[in-house]
Amino acid sequence: MHFHWVENGSAYPIAGQPLPVRPAIDALYQRALLRTDYRALADVQRRFAAALASGDVRITSAAGTDLRFRAGGRPVNLQDGDASQARAAAGKVLIDKEIELPAGAIRVAPIEETVEGVIAFPPSQWDGRPVEGLKLRLSKGRVVEVTAASGKDAVEDEMQKAGDAGRAFREFALGFNPLLAVPSRAPWIPYYGYGAGVVRLSLGDNSELGGAVVSTGSRPAYVRWNFFTDLTVAVGGTVWVRAGALL
């Protein structure tokens, strides 16, 4: 059972917005842990997982993201708070045995060769340096072009240090817990993006998710989580998230 709380950097800032003080983070997590409707959370996650199995995914944004992929038969990890022995015994991949509290996200490694398109980033940091206006173009699951208004060298340096996995698409994750959603005032990203409508488009090793990308250029394995709060997510033509709001 994973219970990182605030000790492992679970809270992420939004560009230009400070993180709240620790007691406020703690209080929000407590509320989510104690008041989540776990039955409803599991139900919507299962419905989304079923859609992923049969539909193409398209992710877009006003900033320029336009990414497509298929999950097909890849295992979909449901972080619905169920840490029972029966659940663990039925796990298909490593992270099925790692249950997070607070709960809220689904996670999947898409079929690598189906990942095509562009990811447009908010202001971010790569190799310890600021990057603005970053866009990554991917083909067959790999970054094939990097453009940025500033900081492109930092992106290239981080990917180079990471080895082969540095340019590989790792994971799609979508948050479903309304009690961990990004606050409308003084916004920040609670608990690893497990809140409703938050998307993670990650790079790096995805072997723990049942994917085919194995990190060989760095130890520990290279993983980069990228959080987005403004994306539209459609599966098989059905829109599940519009501009960061879970429908």
C-alpha atoms as a PDB file:
ATOM      1  CA  MET A   1       0.000   0.000   0.000  1.00  0.00           C
ATOM      2  CA  HIS A   2       1.454   3.342  -1.071  1.00  0.00           C
ATOM      3  CA  PHE A   3       0.770   6.149   1.365  1.00  0.00           C
ATOM      4  CA  HIS A   4       3.243   8.815   0.295  1.00  0.00           C
ATOM      5  CA  TRP A   5       1.109  11.706   1.605  1.00  0.00           C
ATOM      6  CA  VAL A   6       3.307  14.802   1.243  1.00  0.00           C
ATOM      7  CA  GLU A   7       6.715  13.287   1.997  1.00  0.00           C
ATOM      8  CA  ASN A   8       7.533  12.140  -1.539  1.00  0.00           C
ATOM      9  CA  GLY A   9       6.705  15.265  -3.509  1.00  0.00           C
ATOM     10  CA  SER A  10       3.093  14.350  -4.241  1.00  0.00           C
ATOM     11  CA  ALA A  11       1.925  17.954  -4.655  1.00  0.00           C
ATOM     12  CA  TYR A  12       2.859  19.710  -7.909  1.00  0.00           C
ATOM     13  CA  PRO A  13       2.740  23.433  -8.634  1.00  0.00           C
ATOM     14  CA  ILE A  14       1.093  25.016 -11.641  1.00  0.00           C
ATOM     15  CA  ALA A  15       3.308  27.519 -13.430  1.00  0.00           C
ATOM     16  CA  GLY A  16       3.052  30.903 -11.759  1.00  0.00           C
ATOM     17  CA  GLN A  17       1.150  29.541  -8.758  1.00  0.00           C
ATOM     18  CA  PRO A  18       2.722  28.689  -5.374  1.00  0.00           C
ATOM     19  CA  LEU A  19       1.916  25.455  -3.579  1.00  0.00           C
ATOM     20  CA  PRO A  20      -0.315  25.823  -0.521  1.00  0.00           C
ATOM     21  CA  VAL A  21       1.168  25.430   2.942  1.00  0.00           C
ATOM     22  CA  ARG A  22       1.608  21.880   4.183  1.00  0.00           C
ATOM     23  CA  PRO A  23      -1.386  21.920   6.585  1.00  0.00           C
ATOM     24  CA  ALA A  24      -3.679  22.804   3.660  1.00  0.00           C
ATOM     25  CA  ILE A  25      -2.266  19.944   1.567  1.00  0.00           C
ATOM     26  CA  ASP A  26      -2.629  17.590   4.504  1.00  0.00           C
ATOM     27  CA  ALA A  27      -6.258  18.615   5.098  1.00  0.00           C
ATOM     28  CA  LEU A  28      -7.199  18.121   1.437  1.00  0.00           C
ATOM     29  CA  TYR A  29      -5.639  14.653   1.401  1.00  0.00           C
ATOM     30  CA  GLN A  30      -7.396  13.689   4.627  1.00  0.00           C
ATOM     31  CA  ARG A  31     -10.738  14.740   3.189  1.00  0.00           C
ATOM     32  CA  ALA A  32     -10.135  12.758   0.002  1.00  0.00           C
ATOM     33  CA  LEU A  33      -9.074   9.659   1.928  1.00  0.00           C
ATOM     34  CA  LEU A  34     -12.076   9.672   4.252  1.00  0.00           C
ATOM     35  CA  ARG A  35     -14.872  10.957   2.007  1.00  0.00           C
ATOM     36  CA  THR A  36     -14.188   9.414  -1.406  1.00  0.00           C
ATOM     37  CA  ASP A  37     -17.081   7.356  -2.759  1.00  0.00           C
ATOM     38  CA  TYR A  38     -14.915   4.330  -3.545  1.00  0.00           C
ATOM     39  CA  ARG A  39     -17.738   2.366  -5.175  1.00  0.00           C
ATOM     40  CA  ALA A  40     -18.507   5.197  -7.591  1.00  0.00           C
ATOM     41  CA  LEU A  41     -14.793   5.749  -8.259  1.00  0.00           C
ATOM     42  CA  ALA A  42     -14.255   2.093  -9.142  1.00  0.00           C
ATOM     43  CA  ASP A  43     -17.332   2.085 -11.389  1.00  0.00           C
ATOM     44  CA  VAL A  44     -16.276   5.028 -13.555  1.00  0.00           C
ATOM     45  CA  GLN A  45     -12.716   3.723 -13.782  1.00  0.00           C
ATOM     46  CA  ARG A  46     -13.930   0.326 -15.012  1.00  0.00           C
ATOM     47  CA  ARG A  47     -16.120   1.974 -17.637  1.00  0.00           C
ATOM     48  CA  PHE A  48     -13.195   4.055 -18.860  1.00  0.00           C
ATOM     49  CA  ALA A  49     -10.902   1.011 -18.912  1.00  0.00           C
ATOM     50  CA  ALA A  50     -13.465  -0.850 -21.030  1.00  0.00           C
ATOM     51  CA  ALA A  51     -13.564   2.050 -23.477  1.00  0.00           C
ATOM     52  CA  LEU A  52      -9.756   2.080 -23.706  1.00  0.00           C
ATOM     53  CA  ALA A  53      -9.718  -1.576 -24.690  1.00  0.00           C
ATOM     54  CA  SER A  54     -11.718  -1.007 -27.863  1.00  0.00           C
ATOM     55  CA  GLY A  55     -11.339   2.652 -28.843  1.00  0.00           C
ATOM     56  CA  ASP A  56      -8.657   4.944 -30.212  1.00  0.00           C
ATOM     57  CA  VAL A  57      -7.587   7.739 -27.868  1.00  0.00           C
ATOM     58  CA  ARG A  58      -7.149  11.336 -28.987  1.00  0.00           C
ATOM     59  CA  ILE A  59      -5.820  14.034 -26.658  1.00  0.00           C
ATOM     60  CA  THR A  60      -5.922  17.707 -27.665  1.00  0.00           C
ATOM     61  CA  SER A  61      -5.505  21.171 -26.199  1.00  0.00           C
ATOM     62  CA  ALA A  62      -5.777  24.812 -27.190  1.00  0.00           C
ATOM     63  CA  ALA A  63      -2.006  25.071 -26.664  1.00  0.00           C
ATOM     64  CA  GLY A  64      -1.309  22.639 -29.500  1.00  0.00           C
ATOM     65  CA  THR A  65      -1.368  19.127 -28.081  1.00  0.00           C
ATOM     66  CA  ASP A  66      -2.738  16.597 -30.575  1.00  0.00           C
ATOM     67  CA  LEU A  67      -1.794  13.056 -29.595  1.00  0.00           C
ATOM     68  CA  ARG A  68      -3.268   9.716 -30.645  1.00  0.00           C
ATOM     69  CA  PHE A  69      -2.701   6.162 -29.447  1.00  0.00           C
ATOM     70  CA  ARG A  70      -4.328   2.810 -28.726  1.00  0.00           C
ATOM     71  CA  ALA A  71      -4.202   0.808 -25.509  1.00  0.00           C
ATOM     72  CA  GLY A  72      -5.730  -2.353 -26.983  1.00  0.00           C
ATOM     73  CA  GLY A  73      -5.225  -5.283 -24.668  1.00  0.00           C
ATOM     74  CA  ARG A  74      -2.642  -3.571 -22.454  1.00  0.00           C
ATOM     75  CA  PRO A  75      -3.412  -3.896 -18.721  1.00  0.00           C
ATOM     76  CA  VAL A  76      -5.173  -0.860 -17.242  1.00  0.00           C
ATOM     77  CA  ASN A  77      -4.242  -0.198 -13.632  1.00  0.00           C
ATOM     78  CA  LEU A  78      -7.155   1.075 -11.539  1.00  0.00           C
ATOM     79  CA  GLN A  79      -6.146   3.070  -8.490  1.00  0.00           C
ATOM     80  CA  ASP A  80      -9.522   2.749  -6.797  1.00  0.00           C
ATOM     81  CA  GLY A  81      -8.281   2.219  -3.234  1.00  0.00           C
ATOM     82  CA  ASP A  82      -8.860  -1.547  -3.160  1.00  0.00           C
ATOM     83  CA  ALA A  83      -5.818  -3.055  -1.423  1.00  0.00           C
ATOM     84  CA  SER A  84      -7.449  -6.393  -0.620  1.00  0.00           C
ATOM     85  CA  GLN A  85      -5.636  -9.709  -0.878  1.00  0.00           C
ATOM     86  CA  ALA A  86      -8.006 -10.800  -3.647  1.00  0.00           C
ATOM     87  CA  ARG A  87      -7.213  -7.687  -5.669  1.00  0.00           C
ATOM     88  CA  ALA A  88      -3.473  -8.236  -5.295  1.00  0.00           C
ATOM     89  CA  ALA A  89      -3.773 -11.881  -6.327  1.00  0.00           C
ATOM     90  CA  ALA A  90      -5.569 -10.867  -9.525  1.00  0.00           C
ATOM     91  CA  GLY A  91      -2.938  -8.276 -10.480  1.00  0.00           C
ATOM     92  CA  LYS A  92      -1.519  -8.483 -14.002  1.00  0.00           C
ATOM     93  CA  VAL A  93       1.410  -6.054 -13.692  1.00  0.00           C
ATOM     94  CA  LEU A  94       3.629  -4.794 -10.896  1.00  0.00           C
ATOM     95  CA  ILE A  95       1.670  -1.634 -10.177  1.00  0.00           C
ATOM     96  CA  ASP A  96      -1.527  -3.665  -9.676  1.00  0.00           C
ATOM     97  CA  LYS A  97       0.093  -4.633  -6.389  1.00  0.00           C
ATOM     98  CA  GLU A  98       0.867  -1.019  -5.463  1.00  0.00           C
ATOM     99  CA  ILE A  99      -2.359   0.598  -4.272  1.00  0.00           C
ATOM    100  CA  GLU A 100      -2.263   4.346  -3.646  1.00  0.00           C
ATOM    101  CA  LEU A 101      -4.130   6.200  -0.944  1.00  0.00           C
ATOM    102  CA  PRO A 102      -5.583   8.713  -1.630  1.00  0.00           C
ATOM    103  CA  ALA A 103      -7.027   6.956  -4.683  1.00  0.00           C
ATOM    104  CA  GLY A 104      -8.154   8.221  -8.032  1.00  0.00           C
ATOM    105  CA  ALA A 105      -6.245   7.493 -11.270  1.00  0.00           C
ATOM    106  CA  ILE A 106      -6.143   4.926 -14.033  1.00  0.00           C
ATOM    107  CA  ARG A 107      -2.758   4.167 -15.619  1.00  0.00           C
ATOM    108  CA  VAL A 108      -1.855   2.398 -18.850  1.00  0.00           C
ATOM    109  CA  ALA A 109       1.139   1.972 -21.138  1.00  0.00           C
ATOM    110  CA  PRO A 110      -0.238   2.471 -24.677  1.00  0.00           C
ATOM    111  CA  ILE A 111       0.926   0.226 -27.503  1.00  0.00           C
ATOM    112  CA  GLU A 112       4.165   2.010 -28.278  1.00  0.00           C
ATOM    113  CA  GLU A 113       4.017   1.992 -32.083  1.00  0.00           C
ATOM    114  CA  THR A 114       0.536   3.611 -32.047  1.00  0.00           C
ATOM    115  CA  VAL A 115       1.621   6.773 -30.210  1.00  0.00           C
ATOM    116  CA  GLU A 116       1.628   9.609 -32.756  1.00  0.00           C
ATOM    117  CA  GLY A 117       1.376  13.382 -32.580  1.00  0.00           C
ATOM    118  CA  VAL A 118       2.397  16.430 -30.569  1.00  0.00           C
ATOM    119  CA  ILE A 119       2.507  17.242 -26.843  1.00  0.00           C
ATOM    120  CA  ALA A 120       2.524  20.969 -26.003  1.00  0.00           C
ATOM    121  CA  PHE A 121       3.884  21.698 -22.527  1.00  0.00           C
ATOM    122  CA  PRO A 122       3.226  24.469 -20.037  1.00  0.00           C
ATOM    123  CA  PRO A 123       6.361  26.151 -18.624  1.00  0.00           C
ATOM    124  CA  SER A 124       8.465  23.277 -17.297  1.00  0.00           C
ATOM    125  CA  GLN A 125      11.904  22.310 -16.057  1.00  0.00           C
ATOM    126  CA  TRP A 126      14.284  19.893 -17.750  1.00  0.00           C
ATOM    127  CA  ASP A 127      17.770  18.991 -16.592  1.00  0.00           C
ATOM    128  CA  GLY A 128      17.241  21.495 -13.773  1.00  0.00           C
ATOM    129  CA  ARG A 129      16.658  24.393 -16.169  1.00  0.00           C
ATOM    130  CA  PRO A 130      13.527  26.319 -17.201  1.00  0.00           C
ATOM    131  CA  VAL A 131      11.913  25.593 -20.576  1.00  0.00           C
ATOM    132  CA  GLU A 132       9.217  27.669 -22.295  1.00  0.00           C
ATOM    133  CA  GLY A 133       6.969  26.869 -25.244  1.00  0.00           C
ATOM    134  CA  LEU A 134       8.055  23.242 -25.491  1.00  0.00           C
ATOM    135  CA  LYS A 135       6.516  20.902 -28.041  1.00  0.00           C
ATOM    136  CA  LEU A 136       7.503  17.277 -28.533  1.00  0.00           C
ATOM    137  CA  ARG A 137       6.513  15.455 -31.707  1.00  0.00           C
ATOM    138  CA  LEU A 138       6.249  11.694 -31.378  1.00  0.00           C
ATOM    139  CA  SER A 139       6.144   8.959 -33.991  1.00  0.00           C
ATOM    140  CA  LYS A 140       5.692   5.287 -33.162  1.00  0.00           C
ATOM    141  CA  GLY A 141       6.067   6.056 -29.482  1.00  0.00           C
ATOM    142  CA  ARG A 142       9.314   8.006 -29.684  1.00  0.00           C
ATOM    143  CA  VAL A 143      10.199  11.691 -29.599  1.00  0.00           C
ATOM    144  CA  VAL A 144      11.408  12.598 -33.087  1.00  0.00           C
ATOM    145  CA  GLU A 145      11.375  16.396 -32.852  1.00  0.00           C
ATOM    146  CA  VAL A 146      11.877  18.946 -30.064  1.00  0.00           C
ATOM    147  CA  THR A 147      10.960  22.614 -30.439  1.00  0.00           C
ATOM    148  CA  ALA A 148      10.873  25.299 -27.747  1.00  0.00           C
ATOM    149  CA  ALA A 149      10.746  29.060 -27.402  1.00  0.00           C
ATOM    150  CA  SER A 150      13.608  28.724 -24.930  1.00  0.00           C
ATOM    151  CA  GLY A 151      15.458  25.932 -23.167  1.00  0.00           C
ATOM    152  CA  LYS A 152      15.564  23.375 -25.977  1.00  0.00           C
ATOM    153  CA  ASP A 153      19.116  22.388 -25.029  1.00  0.00           C
ATOM    154  CA  ALA A 154      17.967  21.458 -21.525  1.00  0.00           C
ATOM    155  CA  VAL A 155      15.367  19.073 -22.948  1.00  0.00           C
ATOM    156  CA  GLU A 156      17.860  17.456 -25.284  1.00  0.00           C
ATOM    157  CA  ASP A 157      20.417  17.130 -22.470  1.00  0.00           C
ATOM    158  CA  GLU A 158      17.983  15.382 -20.127  1.00  0.00           C
ATOM    159  CA  MET A 159      16.895  12.957 -22.822  1.00  0.00           C
ATOM    160  CA  GLN A 160      20.496  12.243 -23.757  1.00  0.00           C
ATOM    161  CA  LYS A 161      21.437  11.469 -20.151  1.00  0.00           C
ATOM    162  CA  ALA A 162      18.422   9.157 -19.815  1.00  0.00           C
ATOM    163  CA  GLY A 163      19.511   6.949 -22.701  1.00  0.00           C
ATOM    164  CA  ASP A 164      17.079   5.172 -24.992  1.00  0.00           C
ATOM    165  CA  ALA A 165      14.124   5.485 -22.616  1.00  0.00           C
ATOM    166  CA  GLY A 166      14.487   9.270 -22.507  1.00  0.00           C
ATOM    167  CA  ARG A 167      12.710   9.648 -25.840  1.00  0.00           C
ATOM    168  CA  ALA A 168      10.102   6.926 -25.283  1.00  0.00           C
ATOM    169  CA  PHE A 169       6.469   7.532 -24.396  1.00  0.00           C
ATOM    170  CA  ARG A 170       5.804   5.768 -21.102  1.00  0.00           C
ATOM    171  CA  GLU A 171       2.288   6.164 -19.814  1.00  0.00           C
ATOM    172  CA  PHE A 172      -1.118   7.753 -20.033  1.00  0.00           C
ATOM    173  CA  ALA A 173      -2.807   8.408 -16.703  1.00  0.00           C
ATOM    174  CA  LEU A 174      -6.127  10.112 -16.003  1.00  0.00           C
ATOM    175  CA  GLY A 175      -7.426  11.247 -12.630  1.00  0.00           C
ATOM    176  CA  PHE A 176     -11.028  10.588 -11.591  1.00  0.00           C
ATOM    177  CA  ASN A 177     -11.301  11.640  -7.942  1.00  0.00           C
ATOM    178  CA  PRO A 178     -13.354  14.869  -7.620  1.00  0.00           C
ATOM    179  CA  LEU A 179     -11.962  15.423  -4.115  1.00  0.00           C
ATOM    180  CA  LEU A 180      -8.429  15.683  -5.563  1.00  0.00           C
ATOM    181  CA  ALA A 181      -9.345  17.961  -8.468  1.00  0.00           C
ATOM    182  CA  VAL A 182      -7.300  21.097  -9.143  1.00  0.00           C
ATOM    183  CA  PRO A 183      -8.815  23.900  -7.019  1.00  0.00           C
ATOM    184  CA  SER A 184     -10.380  26.732  -8.992  1.00  0.00           C
ATOM    185  CA  ARG A 185      -8.740  29.292  -6.689  1.00  0.00           C
ATOM    186  CA  ALA A 186      -5.036  29.177  -5.836  1.00  0.00           C
ATOM    187  CA  PRO A 187      -4.694  26.150  -8.180  1.00  0.00           C
ATOM    188  CA  TRP A 188      -2.216  23.326  -7.657  1.00  0.00           C
ATOM    189  CA  ILE A 189      -2.099  19.634  -8.619  1.00  0.00           C
ATOM    190  CA  PRO A 190      -2.900  17.362  -5.666  1.00  0.00           C
ATOM    191  CA  TYR A 191      -1.538  13.864  -5.184  1.00  0.00           C
ATOM    192  CA  TYR A 192       0.312  12.952  -8.381  1.00  0.00           C
ATOM    193  CA  GLY A 193      -2.539  14.128 -10.625  1.00  0.00           C
ATOM    194  CA  TYR A 194      -5.141  11.703  -9.235  1.00  0.00           C
ATOM    195  CA  GLY A 195      -7.785  14.424  -9.272  1.00  0.00           C
ATOM    196  CA  ALA A 196     -10.659  14.500 -11.759  1.00  0.00           C
ATOM    197  CA  GLY A 197      -9.553  15.695 -15.204  1.00  0.00           C
ATOM    198  CA  VAL A 198      -5.789  15.776 -14.591  1.00  0.00           C
ATOM    199  CA  VAL A 199      -3.736  13.957 -17.253  1.00  0.00           C
ATOM    200  CA  ARG A 200      -0.216  12.535 -17.044  1.00  0.00           C
ATOM    201  CA  LEU A 201       1.659  11.999 -20.294  1.00  0.00           C
ATOM    202  CA  SER A 202       4.897  10.430 -19.126  1.00  0.00           C
ATOM    203  CA  LEU A 203       8.207   9.508 -20.711  1.00  0.00           C
ATOM    204  CA  GLY A 204      10.578   6.667 -19.873  1.00  0.00           C
ATOM    205  CA  ASP A 205      10.605   3.060 -18.709  1.00  0.00           C
ATOM    206  CA  ASN A 206       7.130   1.482 -18.633  1.00  0.00           C
ATOM    207  CA  SER A 207       7.986  -2.134 -17.845  1.00  0.00           C
ATOM    208  CA  GLU A 208       6.158  -1.985 -14.487  1.00  0.00           C
ATOM    209  CA  LEU A 209       3.001  -1.119 -16.444  1.00  0.00           C
ATOM    210  CA  GLY A 210       3.320  -4.009 -18.876  1.00  0.00           C
ATOM    211  CA  GLY A 211       4.925  -1.905 -21.613  1.00  0.00           C
ATOM    212  CA  ALA A 212       7.915  -2.641 -23.832  1.00  0.00           C
ATOM    213  CA  VAL A 213      10.210   0.272 -22.876  1.00  0.00           C
ATOM    214  CA  VAL A 214      13.054  -0.784 -20.588  1.00  0.00           C
ATOM    215  CA  SER A 215      15.525   1.817 -19.363  1.00  0.00           C
ATOM    216  CA  THR A 216      19.136   0.882 -20.042  1.00  0.00           C
ATOM    217  CA  GLY A 217      20.881   4.266 -19.977  1.00  0.00           C
ATOM    218  CA  SER A 218      20.293   5.305 -16.365  1.00  0.00           C
ATOM    219  CA  ARG A 219      19.855   3.874 -12.884  1.00  0.00           C
ATOM    220  CA  PRO A 220      17.339   4.076 -11.398  1.00  0.00           C
ATOM    221  CA  ALA A 221      15.150   3.627 -14.464  1.00  0.00           C
ATOM    222  CA  TYR A 222      14.302   6.939 -16.147  1.00  0.00           C
ATOM    223  CA  VAL A 223      10.729   8.102 -15.560  1.00  0.00           C
ATOM    224  CA  ARG A 224       9.469  11.615 -16.191  1.00  0.00           C
ATOM    225  CA  TRP A 225       5.935  12.529 -15.150  1.00  0.00           C
ATOM    226  CA  ASN A 226       4.381  15.418 -17.094  1.00  0.00           C
ATOM    227  CA  PHE A 227       1.133  16.863 -15.722  1.00  0.00           C
ATOM    228  CA  PHE A 228      -1.537  18.641 -17.753  1.00  0.00           C
ATOM    229  CA  THR A 229      -4.667  20.386 -16.491  1.00  0.00           C
ATOM    230  CA  ASP A 230      -6.130  21.697 -19.769  1.00  0.00           C
ATOM    231  CA  LEU A 231      -6.453  18.667 -22.031  1.00  0.00           C
ATOM    232  CA  THR A 232      -9.444  17.216 -23.861  1.00  0.00           C
ATOM    233  CA  VAL A 233      -9.533  13.412 -23.894  1.00  0.00           C
ATOM    234  CA  ALA A 234     -11.724  11.436 -26.300  1.00  0.00           C
ATOM    235  CA  VAL A 235     -11.899   7.641 -26.559  1.00  0.00           C
ATOM    236  CA  GLY A 236     -13.588   6.102 -29.575  1.00  0.00           C
ATOM    237  CA  GLY A 237     -15.167   9.469 -30.362  1.00  0.00           C
ATOM    238  CA  THR A 238     -16.630   9.917 -26.867  1.00  0.00           C
ATOM    239  CA  VAL A 239     -15.270  12.898 -24.930  1.00  0.00           C
ATOM    240  CA  TRP A 240     -14.453  12.060 -21.315  1.00  0.00           C
ATOM    241  CA  VAL A 241     -12.503  15.208 -20.414  1.00  0.00           C
ATOM    242  CA  ARG A 242     -12.953  18.648 -21.958  1.00  0.00           C
ATOM    243  CA  ALA A 243     -10.300  21.324 -21.327  1.00  0.00           C
ATOM    244  CA  GLY A 244      -9.338  19.698 -18.040  1.00  0.00           C
ATOM    245  CA  ALA A 245     -12.869  19.075 -16.758  1.00  0.00           C
ATOM    246  CA  LEU A 246     -14.034  15.477 -16.334  1.00  0.00           C
ATOM    247  CA  LEU A 247     -17.446  15.096 -17.961  1.00  0.00           C
END
